[in-house]
Each structure stands twice: as structure tokens, then as C-alpha cells.
Amino acid sequence: MVPKKSPLVLRMIVLVFAMVCGVYICSICLKQISTHSKAGYLHVQVIQKPCPEPQIEPWEIPYVHYPKPKTYSRAECACNPVRYFAILSMQRSGSGWFETLLNNHTNISSNGEIFSVKVRRSNTSTIGETLDKIYRLDWLSSASKNECTAAVGLKWMLNQGLMQHHADIVEYFNTRGVSVIFLFRRNLLRRMISVLANSYDRDVKLLNGTHKSHVHSPHEAEILANYKPIINATLLIPNLKQVEETTAKALEYFKSTRHIILYYEDVVKNHTKLIDVQHFLKVPLRELKSRQVKIHKGSLSSQIKNWDDVQKTLKGTHFENFLHSDYRK
């Protein structure tokens, strides 16, 4: 006679079987959910619409850029093309006034003498990193416009590492599509007066103990203009020649870049030069204005203390025309 199994044992067997089946079914469900989740993540992509091709000449293509700042998004302006530029000049050549004119344009940002800080021009690596930040639109200054900037650049003096590292800088400009704006003065004697007067005020600080290289009121300009420098007649011609040679070298070094050459006196007398610059940068034409007031006006004889010595030194040389040339602003 076969003994009967206990109902409790049968119940335990059924319970274990149910638990095993439940665990199996749950594991299958979890795998399916995991698979669907992974598949979902793999296939979700943000498709960025490419910018439309600009209607430009083929030669312009290297000079049209679509920078992507690291510190913010250009948002709806991401497809607005940007031109890169650099103003190459010398101290007291009108570059400060010229830059305020450019920054008066809604779509132009010129960020000043960034390389006046020595550490930024200590070697080609730091120069490149600084330029990258500027042209990426990540350089924030009072000149920075909005995300829809159409031209961005800086003011760079020849004695701020530019001539020392000219070969690498030319390569950078040509590789990255940077356009160059040369700005010099024709009358180097007037520039010398401005250099000497600015140096004097840096020490004396005529405006209530404050040094100002540029002013915005006729009263301040008159105070600074009262100082008449004494020019070393012995060093006058060698100094003028040195400035001429430096200018010529700069033009030679950077001749392979896309560039335009301007002279301060021409911009003062002929405002169509500002139209030429806007065409050069490919920005909409605007009337450009500056609040800066000219410091040294009128004839040179009223601005130099030892005028007779200077006149005698330059007479008969190719610098003699500096004594007579004049312009109005």
C-alpha cells in the first residue's frame, strides 16, 4: 500500500514552483525594459541644422566664420557670419580714436590693446591662446556687443610682441582668416609731440592728479595742450627715421595678409575712409561717431617750445614737409 503524501508538502512544492516562475518572468521583463531604454538613449539625437551657404565670392570663404563661444550660446545668431580683424598701429597714431569709431558700429567689437599686458605676449603659445579667445567671442570687455557681432578684433601696437613674433602671427592670421587694418600717421613730427606730451602727463597728471591718454571735453584737451615739449634736435632725425623703418618693416612682414592701409590724417579729413573700412569688414554701412576730443590743434610752431631748433634741423631734409602740413578735425 502506497502511503499518501502530506498536503503540506504538496503545497510547498506548488509555492516553490510559483516563486521560481515569478522570478523568471520578472527577470525577462526587466531585461526587455533595459533593452528598450538603451535603445531609446542610443537613438535620441539632437540634429543641428547646418548654416546656409553665404552668398559670397569664393575668395571670401576663408574670412567668414561661425564661432562657437564656450561661455555662452549665440542662439539665434549662430548662423550670423563673423569677420576677424586686427588693427596694427603705433602709440599716438590715432588708433584710440579710430577704435571708438569702429565700436560705435552696432555690429563691430574691437577689444582694445589686449597685448599691452606683457604676460599675454610672452610667447607664441600665449599669443595664440589669447587670439583664440578673442575670435571665439569669449573675450568679455566694454567693447563686447551681443551674440550677433559681425566683426570682432583688437588693437595691436607694433612694439607689443607683434614684430618679434611676426612670422607666427602672419601664419595665424592667414590660417584663421584674420584681416589686417594698418593705421599710421603721415606727419611723424605731430606724432612725436603727442608721444612726448602723453609721457609728460603720465608723470605729472595734469587733470586733477589723473593721467588721461584721451579726453572727451574741450576743457580737458586745452589743459593738456598747454604743455609744450622740448624736442631733442640732435636725435630728431634718427628718431623719425626709426619710426619710418619700423612702419616699412611692418608693411613688409604682413604683406601676405588681407589688409587695408589707412593714415590718421586721411580718416580725419575724409570720412569716406570709414566707408572703405566698413566695406573691408563686410558690415552694414553706418555713420560712425566718437566722443573723443583732439588735444593738439593748430600750427606746430605753437606746440613745440624749441620750434626754431626743430625747424632748422628738418629744413632741407625729406622730413621738411612735416613742418608745414596741416589738417583740421
Protein backbone atom coordinates (compact mmCIF):
# COMPACT_ATOMS: atom_id res chain seq x y z
CA MET A 1 0.00 0.00 0.00
CA VAL A 2 1.50 3.41 -1.18
CA PRO A 3 1.44 5.95 1.57
CA LYS A 4 -0.37 9.21 0.84
CA LYS A 5 1.75 12.43 0.52
CA SER A 6 1.09 15.12 3.04
CA PRO A 7 -1.00 18.05 1.72
CA LEU A 8 1.56 20.39 3.33
CA VAL A 9 4.39 19.01 1.19
CA LEU A 10 2.32 19.40 -1.98
CA ARG A 11 1.52 22.97 -1.08
CA MET A 12 5.21 23.74 -0.50
CA ILE A 13 6.13 22.27 -3.91
CA VAL A 14 3.48 24.37 -5.65
CA LEU A 15 4.62 27.51 -3.78
CA VAL A 16 8.30 27.00 -4.72
CA PHE A 17 7.34 26.35 -8.35
CA ALA A 18 5.27 29.56 -8.41
CA MET A 19 8.12 31.56 -6.89
CA VAL A 20 10.61 30.24 -9.45
CA CYS A 21 8.25 31.06 -12.30
CA GLY A 22 7.67 34.53 -10.88
CA VAL A 23 11.36 35.30 -10.58
CA TYR A 24 11.96 34.05 -14.13
CA ILE A 25 9.12 36.15 -15.57
CA CYS A 26 10.34 39.26 -13.66
CA SER A 27 13.88 38.81 -14.96
CA ILE A 28 12.61 38.56 -18.54
CA CYS A 29 10.55 41.75 -18.09
CA LEU A 30 13.48 43.66 -16.59
CA LYS A 31 15.74 42.69 -19.49
CA GLN A 32 13.15 43.87 -22.01
CA ILE A 33 12.74 47.21 -20.20
CA SER A 34 16.51 47.67 -20.03
CA THR A 35 16.89 46.86 -23.72
CA HIS A 36 14.18 49.34 -24.72
CA SER A 37 15.74 52.05 -22.51
CA LYS A 38 19.18 51.58 -24.01
CA ALA A 39 17.77 51.56 -27.48
CA GLY A 40 15.88 54.73 -26.71
CA TYR A 41 19.00 56.50 -25.46
CA LEU A 42 21.01 55.37 -28.44
CA HIS A 43 18.56 56.69 -30.98
CA VAL A 44 17.68 60.04 -29.38
CA GLN A 45 19.84 62.61 -31.20
CA VAL A 46 19.75 66.38 -31.41
CA ILE A 47 20.11 67.22 -35.07
CA GLN A 48 21.64 70.68 -35.58
CA LYS A 49 20.65 72.26 -38.82
CA PRO A 50 23.70 73.40 -40.80
CA CYS A 51 24.06 77.10 -41.56
CA PRO A 52 23.05 78.06 -45.10
CA GLU A 53 25.84 78.84 -47.53
CA PRO A 54 26.51 82.61 -47.55
CA GLN A 55 26.17 84.44 -50.84
CA ILE A 56 29.83 85.50 -51.17
CA GLU A 57 32.69 85.34 -53.61
CA PRO A 58 34.89 82.21 -53.39
CA TRP A 59 37.91 84.26 -52.21
CA GLU A 60 35.90 85.47 -49.19
CA ILE A 61 35.20 81.99 -47.81
CA PRO A 62 38.36 81.78 -45.59
CA TYR A 63 37.40 85.09 -43.94
CA VAL A 64 33.84 84.10 -42.98
CA HIS A 65 33.49 82.36 -39.61
CA TYR A 66 30.83 80.88 -37.35
CA PRO A 67 32.47 80.96 -33.90
CA LYS A 68 31.15 78.83 -31.05
CA PRO A 69 31.83 80.54 -27.68
CA LYS A 70 32.49 78.30 -24.69
CA THR A 71 30.92 80.69 -22.17
CA TYR A 72 27.52 81.23 -23.81
CA SER A 73 25.38 80.28 -26.81
CA ARG A 74 24.99 82.50 -29.85
CA ALA A 75 21.45 81.11 -30.04
CA GLU A 76 19.54 82.53 -33.00
CA CYS A 77 22.71 84.30 -34.17
CA ALA A 78 24.70 81.06 -34.51
CA CYS A 79 24.46 81.30 -38.30
CA ASN A 80 25.37 85.00 -38.45
CA PRO A 81 28.83 85.10 -40.08
CA VAL A 82 31.67 86.89 -38.26
CA ARG A 83 34.78 88.54 -39.71
CA TYR A 84 38.03 88.62 -37.73
CA PHE A 85 40.30 91.69 -37.81
CA ALA A 86 43.30 93.28 -36.10
CA ILE A 87 44.25 96.98 -36.07
CA LEU A 88 48.04 97.22 -36.33
CA SER A 89 49.37 100.60 -35.31
CA MET A 90 51.81 102.59 -33.16
CA GLN A 91 51.17 104.57 -29.99
CA ARG A 92 49.79 108.10 -30.55
CA SER A 93 48.78 107.41 -34.13
CA GLY A 94 45.05 107.94 -33.66
CA SER A 95 44.26 104.29 -33.05
CA GLY A 96 42.31 105.01 -29.85
CA TRP A 97 40.05 107.48 -31.66
CA PHE A 98 39.74 105.16 -34.64
CA GLU A 99 38.73 102.24 -32.42
CA THR A 100 35.96 104.28 -30.75
CA LEU A 101 34.59 104.93 -34.25
CA LEU A 102 34.53 101.20 -35.02
CA ASN A 103 32.90 100.39 -31.68
CA ASN A 104 30.23 102.94 -32.46
CA HIS A 105 29.01 100.43 -35.04
CA THR A 106 26.30 98.11 -33.73
CA ASN A 107 27.94 95.01 -35.19
CA ILE A 108 31.66 95.65 -34.55
CA SER A 109 33.59 94.75 -31.38
CA SER A 110 37.18 95.94 -31.11
CA ASN A 111 38.61 94.95 -27.74
CA GLY A 112 41.44 97.45 -27.25
CA GLU A 113 45.16 96.93 -26.58
CA ILE A 114 44.89 93.41 -25.21
CA PHE A 115 48.61 92.74 -25.67
CA SER A 116 49.63 95.75 -23.58
CA VAL A 117 49.66 93.14 -20.78
CA LYS A 118 53.11 91.55 -21.13
CA VAL A 119 52.19 88.04 -19.99
CA ARG A 120 49.75 87.71 -22.91
CA ARG A 121 52.56 88.26 -25.40
CA SER A 122 55.31 86.36 -23.58
CA ASN A 123 55.48 83.67 -26.29
CA THR A 124 53.63 82.46 -29.38
CA SER A 125 51.56 80.00 -27.33
CA THR A 126 50.09 82.66 -25.06
CA ILE A 127 49.55 84.93 -28.07
CA GLY A 128 47.67 82.16 -29.89
CA GLU A 129 45.55 81.31 -26.84
CA THR A 130 44.62 84.97 -26.37
CA LEU A 131 43.70 85.40 -30.04
CA ASP A 132 41.63 82.19 -29.95
CA LYS A 133 39.62 83.55 -27.02
CA ILE A 134 39.01 86.86 -28.79
CA TYR A 135 37.93 85.36 -32.09
CA ARG A 136 35.83 82.69 -30.36
CA LEU A 137 33.82 85.65 -28.93
CA ASP A 138 34.73 84.61 -25.37
CA TRP A 139 36.69 87.81 -24.61
CA LEU A 140 34.43 89.98 -22.48
CA SER A 141 35.14 93.72 -22.39
CA SER A 142 33.30 97.03 -22.54
CA ALA A 143 33.53 96.76 -26.33
CA SER A 144 31.80 93.37 -26.46
CA LYS A 145 28.49 93.57 -28.29
CA ASN A 146 25.90 90.83 -28.36
CA GLU A 147 25.73 87.36 -29.87
CA CYS A 148 25.11 88.92 -33.29
CA THR A 149 28.53 90.57 -33.62
CA ALA A 150 29.53 90.66 -37.30
CA ALA A 151 33.19 91.68 -36.89
CA VAL A 152 35.46 91.13 -33.89
CA GLY A 153 39.06 92.16 -33.32
CA LEU A 154 41.60 94.10 -31.30
CA LYS A 155 44.10 96.94 -31.41
CA TRP A 156 47.72 95.75 -31.52
CA MET A 157 50.74 98.04 -31.24
CA LEU A 158 53.88 97.12 -33.21
CA ASN A 159 56.00 97.11 -30.02
CA GLN A 160 53.72 94.62 -28.23
CA GLY A 161 55.28 91.40 -29.49
CA LEU A 162 53.94 91.90 -33.00
CA MET A 163 57.28 92.47 -34.73
CA GLN A 164 59.16 90.00 -32.54
CA HIS A 165 56.81 87.10 -33.41
CA HIS A 166 55.71 88.37 -36.83
CA ALA A 167 56.24 85.09 -38.72
CA ASP A 168 54.00 83.05 -36.40
CA ILE A 169 51.40 85.82 -36.22
CA VAL A 170 51.24 86.10 -40.02
CA GLU A 171 50.74 82.34 -40.21
CA TYR A 172 47.96 82.57 -37.62
CA PHE A 173 46.25 85.42 -39.49
CA ASN A 174 46.42 83.62 -42.83
CA THR A 175 45.35 80.26 -41.41
CA ARG A 176 42.46 81.65 -39.34
CA GLY A 177 41.33 84.23 -41.88
CA VAL A 178 42.14 87.40 -39.94
CA SER A 179 42.09 90.69 -41.89
CA VAL A 180 44.55 93.45 -41.00
CA ILE A 181 43.84 97.19 -40.72
CA PHE A 182 47.06 99.22 -40.74
CA LEU A 183 46.72 102.66 -39.17
CA PHE A 184 49.68 105.06 -39.20
CA ARG A 185 50.34 108.81 -39.17
CA ARG A 186 51.76 110.65 -42.13
CA ASN A 187 53.15 113.51 -40.04
CA LEU A 188 55.59 111.79 -37.69
CA LEU A 189 56.55 115.11 -36.08
CA ARG A 190 53.00 115.58 -34.82
CA ARG A 191 53.07 112.03 -33.52
CA MET A 192 56.31 112.79 -31.66
CA ILE A 193 54.70 115.80 -29.95
CA SER A 194 51.80 113.59 -28.87
CA VAL A 195 54.17 110.91 -27.54
CA LEU A 196 56.22 113.42 -25.50
CA ALA A 197 53.13 115.19 -24.14
CA ASN A 198 51.48 111.90 -23.16
CA SER A 199 54.67 110.75 -21.43
CA TYR A 200 54.86 114.05 -19.52
CA ASP A 201 51.25 113.78 -18.36
CA ARG A 202 51.80 110.19 -17.24
CA ASP A 203 54.27 111.57 -14.68
CA VAL A 204 52.67 114.91 -13.82
CA LYS A 205 48.96 114.04 -14.20
CA LEU A 206 47.69 117.47 -15.18
CA LEU A 207 43.99 116.63 -14.92
CA ASN A 208 43.42 116.73 -11.15
CA GLY A 209 46.03 114.07 -10.49
CA THR A 210 44.69 111.70 -13.16
CA HIS A 211 46.53 110.64 -16.30
CA LYS A 212 44.41 110.54 -19.43
CA SER A 213 45.65 109.49 -22.85
CA HIS A 214 42.34 110.54 -24.43
CA VAL A 215 39.79 113.13 -23.36
CA HIS A 216 36.13 113.84 -24.05
CA SER A 217 35.85 117.56 -23.30
CA PRO A 218 37.42 120.66 -24.92
CA HIS A 219 38.36 121.93 -21.45
CA GLU A 220 40.46 118.86 -20.66
CA ALA A 221 42.03 118.97 -24.13
CA GLU A 222 43.02 122.61 -23.60
CA ILE A 223 44.71 121.82 -20.28
CA LEU A 224 46.78 119.01 -21.80
CA ALA A 225 47.64 121.10 -24.88
CA ASN A 226 49.18 123.82 -22.73
CA TYR A 227 52.26 121.68 -22.25
CA LYS A 228 54.83 122.32 -25.00
CA PRO A 229 57.60 119.72 -25.18
CA ILE A 230 61.25 120.43 -25.94
CA ILE A 231 62.37 118.14 -28.76
CA ASN A 232 65.96 116.88 -28.79
CA ALA A 233 67.16 118.34 -32.11
CA THR A 234 70.19 116.03 -32.23
CA LEU A 235 68.07 112.85 -32.02
CA LEU A 236 65.15 114.20 -34.04
CA ILE A 237 66.11 112.88 -37.48
CA PRO A 238 67.35 109.46 -36.21
CA ASN A 239 64.08 109.04 -34.29
CA LEU A 240 61.95 109.94 -37.30
CA LYS A 241 63.95 107.52 -39.46
CA GLN A 242 63.47 104.75 -36.93
CA VAL A 243 59.69 105.18 -36.99
CA GLU A 244 59.73 105.17 -40.80
CA GLU A 245 61.79 101.98 -40.86
CA THR A 246 59.56 100.23 -38.31
CA THR A 247 56.48 101.12 -40.35
CA ALA A 248 58.09 99.83 -43.55
CA LYS A 249 59.09 96.58 -41.83
CA ALA A 250 55.56 96.01 -40.55
CA LEU A 251 54.10 96.52 -44.02
CA GLU A 252 56.66 94.10 -45.44
CA TYR A 253 56.15 91.45 -42.73
CA PHE A 254 52.36 91.43 -43.09
CA LYS A 255 52.03 91.99 -46.83
CA SER A 256 50.75 88.43 -47.41
CA THR A 257 47.69 89.07 -45.23
CA ARG A 258 44.42 90.50 -46.45
CA HIS A 259 44.86 94.13 -45.40
CA ILE A 260 43.97 97.77 -45.83
CA ILE A 261 46.34 100.72 -45.16
CA LEU A 262 44.96 103.85 -43.52
CA TYR A 263 46.53 107.09 -42.34
CA TYR A 264 45.11 109.07 -39.46
CA GLU A 265 45.18 112.37 -41.36
CA ASP A 266 43.19 110.86 -44.24
CA VAL A 267 40.50 109.50 -41.92
CA VAL A 268 40.23 112.91 -40.22
CA LYS A 269 39.87 114.84 -43.48
CA ASN A 270 37.90 112.30 -45.50
CA HIS A 271 35.18 110.33 -43.76
CA THR A 272 34.67 108.17 -46.86
CA LYS A 273 37.67 106.28 -45.45
CA LEU A 274 35.33 104.96 -42.76
CA ILE A 275 33.06 103.68 -45.52
CA ASP A 276 36.06 101.89 -47.01
CA VAL A 277 36.72 100.23 -43.64
CA GLN A 278 33.12 99.08 -43.31
CA HIS A 279 33.24 97.64 -46.82
CA PHE A 280 36.52 95.93 -45.90
CA LEU A 281 34.90 94.31 -42.85
CA LYS A 282 31.72 93.50 -44.80
CA VAL A 283 29.40 95.11 -42.26
CA PRO A 284 26.29 97.25 -42.93
CA LEU A 285 27.15 100.91 -43.53
CA ARG A 286 26.59 103.20 -40.55
CA GLU A 287 27.51 106.78 -39.67
CA LEU A 288 30.32 106.36 -37.13
CA LYS A 289 30.94 108.91 -34.38
CA SER A 290 33.39 109.34 -31.50
CA ARG A 291 33.18 111.36 -28.29
CA GLN A 292 36.94 111.87 -28.15
CA VAL A 293 38.24 115.42 -28.48
CA LYS A 294 41.50 116.22 -30.27
CA ILE A 295 44.21 117.55 -27.93
CA HIS A 296 46.83 119.18 -30.16
CA LYS A 297 45.40 121.55 -32.77
CA GLY A 298 46.71 124.32 -34.99
CA SER A 299 50.20 125.03 -36.24
CA LEU A 300 53.19 123.11 -34.96
CA SER A 301 55.06 126.29 -34.11
CA SER A 302 52.61 126.83 -31.22
CA GLN A 303 53.10 123.29 -29.88
CA ILE A 304 56.90 122.97 -29.66
CA LYS A 305 58.91 125.02 -27.16
CA ASN A 306 62.15 124.97 -29.19
CA TRP A 307 60.46 125.45 -32.55
CA ASP A 308 63.40 127.31 -34.13
CA ASP A 309 65.79 124.41 -33.39
CA VAL A 310 63.37 121.87 -34.86
CA GLN A 311 62.74 123.97 -37.95
CA LYS A 312 66.47 124.42 -38.55
CA THR A 313 67.13 120.67 -38.12
CA LEU A 314 64.47 119.50 -40.58
CA LYS A 315 64.95 122.15 -43.23
CA GLY A 316 66.46 120.68 -46.37
CA THR A 317 65.64 117.08 -45.40
CA HIS A 318 62.81 114.91 -46.70
CA PHE A 319 61.14 115.50 -43.32
CA GLU A 320 60.77 119.23 -44.00
CA ASN A 321 57.19 118.81 -45.17
CA PHE A 322 56.23 117.83 -41.59
CA LEU A 323 56.78 121.47 -40.63
CA HIS A 324 54.08 122.76 -42.93
CA SER A 325 51.46 120.04 -43.42
CA ASP A 326 48.26 120.66 -41.52
CA TYR A 327 44.74 119.29 -41.28
CA ARG A 328 41.52 120.03 -39.48
CA LYS A 329 39.29 117.78 -37.43
